[in-house]
Amino acid sequence: MKPARFEYTAPRTVPEALAALADTGRDVRVLAGGQSLLLEMRLQRLRPDLLVDINRIAGLDRLGVDDGMVEVGALVRHEVFDSPWAVPGPLGTLLSLAAPNIAHPPIRALGTMVGSLAWAHPASEWCAIAAALDAVIRLRGPEGAREVPARDWFRGPFETARRPGELLTSVRLPLLGEGTGVGFIEHRRTHFSFAQVGVAAALTVRDGVVVEARIGLANCADRPVRARAAEQALVGAEIGSTLFARAGRVAADQDAAPLAEPYADVEYRRHAIAVLVGRTLRQAAEGARQ
């Protein structure tokens, strides 16, 4: 197969980027970190007509706190979140637990959280956290600006609610209250593999009773999943290993819809989901201020 040819443009403003993206008659792709996109192009599974490189657009690297939300711009790199102090409070801790699981250092130095949400890989750590926290994705497009909550964003493997000509500009994540405990654990066959199962959790506990629970699952269905049935099993109950094991089984049986893989059938993957949800909840409970 002959090498693919494509055009390249590097706009310096969002309006310039939107003008390039408006060419809906061709396959136009946005380049931020490019760590997934360029691999697919190298393997010629994607052959875009035009790459729109947004790395020169000022302001898209903003990371700030406003009205109880953390806003992560489209050019904020994965590696920023290696530090638990990049974002205040328990949310910063949760992001720092997840970040080291993303590929390896060179990819974390270039890839972006918003790019992961745009790519929407079912095994993505950031997508699972976005689902758990019901993050809000912000976009600009031909019809102006709009926001999409994570529960409506993911449509399937690599499919989102993004409309033609739109650019993801940032994602907003709710700050977790002081005293909230967080956890993130994933299981993979090798260090270089995608997670077979990933779990993000946030627990608020008062007097030994769970008052709020958020659980996100990675690679447990055809898209990131918020484990609402497991959350309901937790709220109002006294914390303990038995509770967390039961919530894990609920997540595996009611929230997840795992598919068989070459090295893991559905039964194995449900078992792994139950075990990892229980472990992640215990991790979160240890950090919860009661």
Protein backbone atom coordinates (compact mmCIF):
# COMPACT_ATOMS: atom_id res chain seq x y z
CA MET A 1 0.00 0.00 0.00
CA LYS A 2 1.33 3.43 -0.95
CA PRO A 3 2.03 5.94 1.86
CA ALA A 4 -0.99 8.10 2.57
CA ARG A 5 -0.83 11.75 1.53
CA PHE A 6 -2.57 14.44 3.51
CA GLU A 7 -2.66 18.19 3.92
CA TYR A 8 -1.59 19.90 7.13
CA THR A 9 -2.55 23.20 8.72
CA ALA A 10 -1.60 24.77 12.05
CA PRO A 11 -4.12 27.49 12.97
CA ARG A 12 -3.29 30.01 15.66
CA THR A 13 -6.84 30.76 16.82
CA VAL A 14 -9.96 28.75 17.50
CA PRO A 15 -11.89 30.49 14.66
CA GLU A 16 -9.11 29.51 12.24
CA ALA A 17 -9.31 25.91 13.45
CA LEU A 18 -13.09 25.90 13.02
CA ALA A 19 -12.71 27.24 9.49
CA ALA A 20 -10.44 24.29 8.67
CA LEU A 21 -12.80 21.81 10.33
CA ALA A 22 -15.71 23.22 8.31
CA ASP A 23 -14.46 21.30 5.27
CA THR A 24 -16.91 18.47 6.00
CA GLY A 25 -16.58 16.98 2.53
CA ARG A 26 -13.21 15.50 3.52
CA ASP A 27 -11.86 13.44 6.40
CA VAL A 28 -10.47 16.16 8.68
CA ARG A 29 -8.76 15.20 11.93
CA VAL A 30 -7.61 17.30 14.88
CA LEU A 31 -4.02 16.86 16.07
CA ALA A 32 -3.25 17.72 19.71
CA GLY A 33 -1.03 15.03 21.25
CA GLY A 34 -1.65 12.67 18.36
CA GLN A 35 -0.51 9.58 20.24
CA SER A 36 -3.43 7.46 19.03
CA LEU A 37 -4.12 9.25 15.76
CA LEU A 38 -0.56 9.05 14.40
CA LEU A 39 -0.27 5.35 15.21
CA GLU A 40 -3.48 4.63 13.28
CA MET A 41 -2.13 6.70 10.38
CA ARG A 42 1.20 4.85 10.52
CA LEU A 43 -0.67 1.56 10.27
CA GLN A 44 -2.86 3.12 7.55
CA ARG A 45 -6.06 2.26 9.36
CA LEU A 46 -6.84 5.97 9.13
CA ARG A 47 -6.08 8.02 6.03
CA PRO A 48 -7.27 11.58 6.71
CA ASP A 49 -7.27 14.21 4.01
CA LEU A 50 -6.37 17.06 6.37
CA LEU A 51 -4.70 17.34 9.79
CA VAL A 52 -5.58 20.42 11.87
CA ASP A 53 -2.76 20.91 14.38
CA ILE A 54 -4.12 22.95 17.32
CA ASN A 55 -0.87 23.11 19.30
CA ARG A 56 -0.23 26.76 18.39
CA ILE A 57 -3.59 28.01 19.68
CA ALA A 58 -3.09 30.13 22.81
CA GLY A 59 -5.28 29.42 25.81
CA LEU A 60 -6.06 25.78 25.12
CA ASP A 61 -3.43 24.73 27.67
CA ARG A 62 -5.35 26.33 30.53
CA LEU A 63 -5.83 24.36 33.75
CA GLY A 64 -7.91 26.25 36.28
CA VAL A 65 -10.57 26.11 38.96
CA ASP A 66 -13.85 27.96 38.65
CA ASP A 67 -17.14 27.63 40.54
CA GLY A 68 -16.33 24.26 42.06
CA MET A 69 -15.12 22.78 38.77
CA VAL A 70 -11.69 22.09 37.33
CA GLU A 71 -11.38 23.05 33.68
CA VAL A 72 -8.80 21.13 31.66
CA GLY A 73 -7.95 22.70 28.31
CA ALA A 74 -7.51 20.72 25.11
CA LEU A 75 -3.69 21.01 25.26
CA VAL A 76 -3.12 20.02 28.90
CA ARG A 77 -0.86 16.95 28.77
CA HIS A 78 -1.32 13.70 30.66
CA GLU A 79 1.92 14.17 32.57
CA VAL A 80 0.60 17.26 34.34
CA PHE A 81 -1.58 14.99 36.45
CA ASP A 82 1.30 12.81 37.64
CA SER A 83 1.43 15.26 40.55
CA PRO A 84 -1.45 15.14 43.07
CA TRP A 85 -1.01 18.90 43.56
CA ALA A 86 -1.82 19.82 39.95
CA VAL A 87 -5.51 19.87 40.92
CA PRO A 88 -6.71 20.64 44.46
CA GLY A 89 -8.25 18.16 46.87
CA PRO A 90 -9.28 14.55 46.34
CA LEU A 91 -9.80 15.07 42.61
CA GLY A 92 -6.09 15.79 42.25
CA THR A 93 -5.32 12.58 44.10
CA LEU A 94 -7.65 10.57 41.85
CA LEU A 95 -6.11 11.98 38.68
CA SER A 96 -2.60 11.29 39.99
CA LEU A 97 -3.53 7.67 40.72
CA ALA A 98 -4.80 7.19 37.17
CA ALA A 99 -2.15 9.10 35.21
CA PRO A 100 0.79 6.64 35.64
CA ASN A 101 -1.36 3.89 34.12
CA ILE A 102 -1.55 5.73 30.79
CA ALA A 103 0.92 4.13 28.37
CA HIS A 104 4.47 5.27 29.23
CA PRO A 105 6.30 8.59 29.83
CA PRO A 106 6.86 9.76 26.23
CA ILE A 107 3.15 9.34 25.48
CA ARG A 108 2.14 11.06 28.72
CA ALA A 109 4.39 13.97 27.77
CA LEU A 110 2.47 14.58 24.54
CA GLY A 111 -1.01 13.08 24.87
CA THR A 112 -3.90 15.05 26.37
CA MET A 113 -6.91 14.32 28.55
CA VAL A 114 -9.27 16.05 26.13
CA GLY A 115 -7.76 14.07 23.25
CA SER A 116 -8.55 10.86 25.12
CA LEU A 117 -12.16 11.95 25.50
CA ALA A 118 -12.31 12.77 21.79
CA TRP A 119 -10.80 9.38 20.85
CA ALA A 120 -13.15 7.54 23.26
CA HIS A 121 -11.26 4.28 23.61
CA PRO A 122 -13.30 1.95 25.87
CA ALA A 123 -10.16 1.23 27.96
CA SER A 124 -9.24 4.89 28.51
CA GLU A 125 -8.51 5.85 32.10
CA TRP A 126 -9.66 9.46 31.61
CA CYS A 127 -12.90 8.33 29.97
CA ALA A 128 -13.71 6.10 32.97
CA ILE A 129 -13.08 9.01 35.35
CA ALA A 130 -15.18 11.33 33.19
CA ALA A 131 -18.03 8.81 33.34
CA ALA A 132 -17.72 8.38 37.11
CA LEU A 133 -17.74 12.13 37.78
CA ASP A 134 -20.16 13.01 34.97
CA ALA A 135 -17.69 15.47 33.53
CA VAL A 136 -18.82 18.12 31.07
CA ILE A 137 -17.20 18.28 27.62
CA ARG A 138 -17.05 21.74 26.04
CA LEU A 139 -17.07 22.24 22.28
CA ARG A 140 -17.01 25.05 19.71
CA GLY A 141 -18.50 24.59 16.29
CA PRO A 142 -20.38 26.18 13.40
CA GLU A 143 -23.40 26.77 15.62
CA GLY A 144 -21.41 28.22 18.51
CA ALA A 145 -20.42 26.75 21.87
CA ARG A 146 -22.13 23.90 23.63
CA GLU A 147 -21.59 21.49 26.52
CA VAL A 148 -22.23 17.74 26.66
CA PRO A 149 -22.27 15.75 29.93
CA ALA A 150 -20.21 12.58 29.91
CA ARG A 151 -23.33 10.43 30.29
CA ASP A 152 -24.40 11.62 26.81
CA TRP A 153 -20.94 11.88 25.27
CA PHE A 154 -19.88 8.27 24.74
CA ARG A 155 -21.86 6.48 22.02
CA GLY A 156 -19.73 3.35 21.54
CA PRO A 157 -16.14 2.34 20.73
CA PHE A 158 -14.43 5.47 19.38
CA GLU A 159 -17.85 7.13 18.91
CA THR A 160 -18.95 10.33 20.63
CA ALA A 161 -21.59 13.02 20.44
CA ARG A 162 -19.20 15.36 18.59
CA ARG A 163 -20.83 16.90 15.53
CA PRO A 164 -19.09 17.56 12.20
CA GLY A 165 -16.99 20.69 12.31
CA GLU A 166 -16.78 20.84 16.11
CA LEU A 167 -13.63 21.24 18.20
CA LEU A 168 -13.31 20.03 21.78
CA THR A 169 -11.88 22.96 23.74
CA SER A 170 -11.94 21.68 27.34
CA VAL A 171 -13.46 19.33 29.87
CA ARG A 172 -14.85 20.32 33.26
CA LEU A 173 -14.59 17.96 36.23
CA PRO A 174 -16.33 18.57 39.58
CA LEU A 175 -14.06 19.14 42.55
CA LEU A 176 -14.63 16.38 45.07
CA GLY A 177 -15.47 17.47 48.59
CA GLU A 178 -12.84 17.42 51.30
CA GLY A 179 -12.89 14.09 53.07
CA THR A 180 -13.85 12.17 49.94
CA GLY A 181 -11.74 9.06 49.46
CA VAL A 182 -10.63 8.05 45.99
CA GLY A 183 -9.18 4.99 44.32
CA PHE A 184 -7.99 3.84 40.92
CA ILE A 185 -6.83 0.32 40.02
CA GLU A 186 -6.51 -1.45 36.70
CA HIS A 187 -5.50 -4.90 35.53
CA ARG A 188 -3.59 -5.57 32.33
CA ARG A 189 -1.82 -8.58 30.84
CA THR A 190 1.47 -6.75 30.33
CA HIS A 191 2.83 -3.32 31.13
CA PHE A 192 2.39 -2.35 27.47
CA SER A 193 -1.19 -3.64 27.14
CA PHE A 194 -4.43 -1.71 27.40
CA ALA A 195 -6.25 -2.36 30.65
CA GLN A 196 -8.45 -5.44 30.62
CA VAL A 197 -10.36 -3.79 33.48
CA GLY A 198 -9.98 -0.36 35.07
CA VAL A 199 -11.92 1.07 38.00
CA ALA A 200 -12.15 4.62 39.34
CA ALA A 201 -14.00 5.28 42.59
CA ALA A 202 -14.84 8.15 44.92
CA LEU A 203 -16.52 7.57 48.29
CA THR A 204 -17.87 9.99 50.87
CA VAL A 205 -18.35 8.38 54.28
CA ARG A 206 -19.93 9.79 57.44
CA ASP A 207 -20.02 7.91 60.74
CA GLY A 208 -19.03 4.74 58.95
CA VAL A 209 -21.87 4.98 56.41
CA VAL A 210 -21.47 5.67 52.69
CA VAL A 211 -23.35 8.87 51.78
CA GLU A 212 -22.12 9.22 48.20
CA ALA A 213 -20.44 6.87 45.75
CA ARG A 214 -19.12 7.29 42.22
CA ILE A 215 -17.69 4.41 40.22
CA GLY A 216 -16.38 4.44 36.65
CA LEU A 217 -15.40 1.34 34.67
CA ALA A 218 -12.88 1.14 31.83
CA ASN A 219 -12.99 -1.63 29.20
CA CYS A 220 -15.99 -3.28 30.85
CA ALA A 221 -18.37 -2.60 27.93
CA ASP A 222 -18.24 -1.03 24.48
CA ARG A 223 -17.84 2.38 26.15
CA PRO A 224 -16.91 3.80 29.57
CA VAL A 225 -19.53 2.92 32.18
CA ARG A 226 -20.74 4.60 35.33
CA ALA A 227 -21.63 1.74 37.69
CA ARG A 228 -24.88 3.16 39.01
CA ALA A 229 -26.29 -0.12 40.32
CA ALA A 230 -23.14 -0.67 42.37
CA GLU A 231 -23.32 2.91 43.63
CA GLN A 232 -26.89 2.37 44.79
CA ALA A 233 -25.81 -0.79 46.63
CA LEU A 234 -23.27 1.29 48.57
CA VAL A 235 -25.19 4.40 49.59
CA GLY A 236 -26.66 4.14 53.05
CA ALA A 237 -24.68 1.03 53.98
CA GLU A 238 -21.92 0.62 56.57
CA ILE A 239 -18.49 0.33 55.05
CA GLY A 240 -16.66 -2.98 55.17
CA SER A 241 -15.08 -5.68 53.02
CA THR A 242 -18.38 -7.55 52.70
CA LEU A 243 -20.11 -4.44 51.37
CA PHE A 244 -17.36 -3.73 48.86
CA ALA A 245 -17.31 -7.33 47.62
CA ARG A 246 -21.09 -7.23 47.16
CA ALA A 247 -20.86 -3.93 45.27
CA GLY A 248 -18.19 -5.49 43.06
CA ARG A 249 -20.48 -8.35 42.14
CA VAL A 250 -23.31 -5.92 41.40
CA ALA A 251 -21.03 -3.90 39.12
CA ALA A 252 -19.90 -7.03 37.29
CA ASP A 253 -23.39 -8.50 36.88
CA GLN A 254 -25.56 -5.40 36.37
CA ASP A 255 -23.42 -2.47 35.24
CA ALA A 256 -20.78 -4.09 33.05
CA ALA A 257 -21.25 -5.71 29.66
CA PRO A 258 -17.82 -7.21 28.96
CA LEU A 259 -16.92 -8.80 25.66
CA ALA A 260 -14.74 -11.86 25.23
CA GLU A 261 -11.11 -11.21 24.30
CA PRO A 262 -8.42 -13.60 23.03
CA TYR A 263 -6.93 -13.96 26.51
CA ALA A 264 -10.06 -13.49 28.63
CA ASP A 265 -13.55 -14.88 28.22
CA VAL A 266 -16.63 -13.10 29.56
CA GLU A 267 -16.74 -15.13 32.79
CA TYR A 268 -13.13 -14.28 33.60
CA ARG A 269 -13.66 -10.61 32.85
CA ARG A 270 -16.75 -10.43 35.09
CA HIS A 271 -14.72 -12.01 37.89
CA ALA A 272 -11.93 -9.47 37.35
CA ILE A 273 -14.42 -6.60 37.39
CA ALA A 274 -15.93 -7.78 40.69
CA VAL A 275 -12.52 -8.16 42.31
CA LEU A 276 -11.13 -4.84 41.10
CA VAL A 277 -14.25 -2.86 42.05
CA GLY A 278 -14.01 -4.29 45.57
CA ARG A 279 -10.30 -3.45 45.83
CA THR A 280 -10.76 0.06 44.48
CA LEU A 281 -13.59 0.75 46.93
CA ARG A 282 -11.39 -0.40 49.80
CA GLN A 283 -8.66 1.93 48.56
CA ALA A 284 -11.13 4.82 48.43
CA ALA A 285 -12.55 4.02 51.87
CA GLU A 286 -9.07 4.16 53.41
CA GLY A 287 -8.72 7.73 52.20
CA ALA A 288 -12.19 8.87 53.18
CA ARG A 289 -12.35 11.21 56.18
CA GLN A 290 -15.15 9.90 58.41
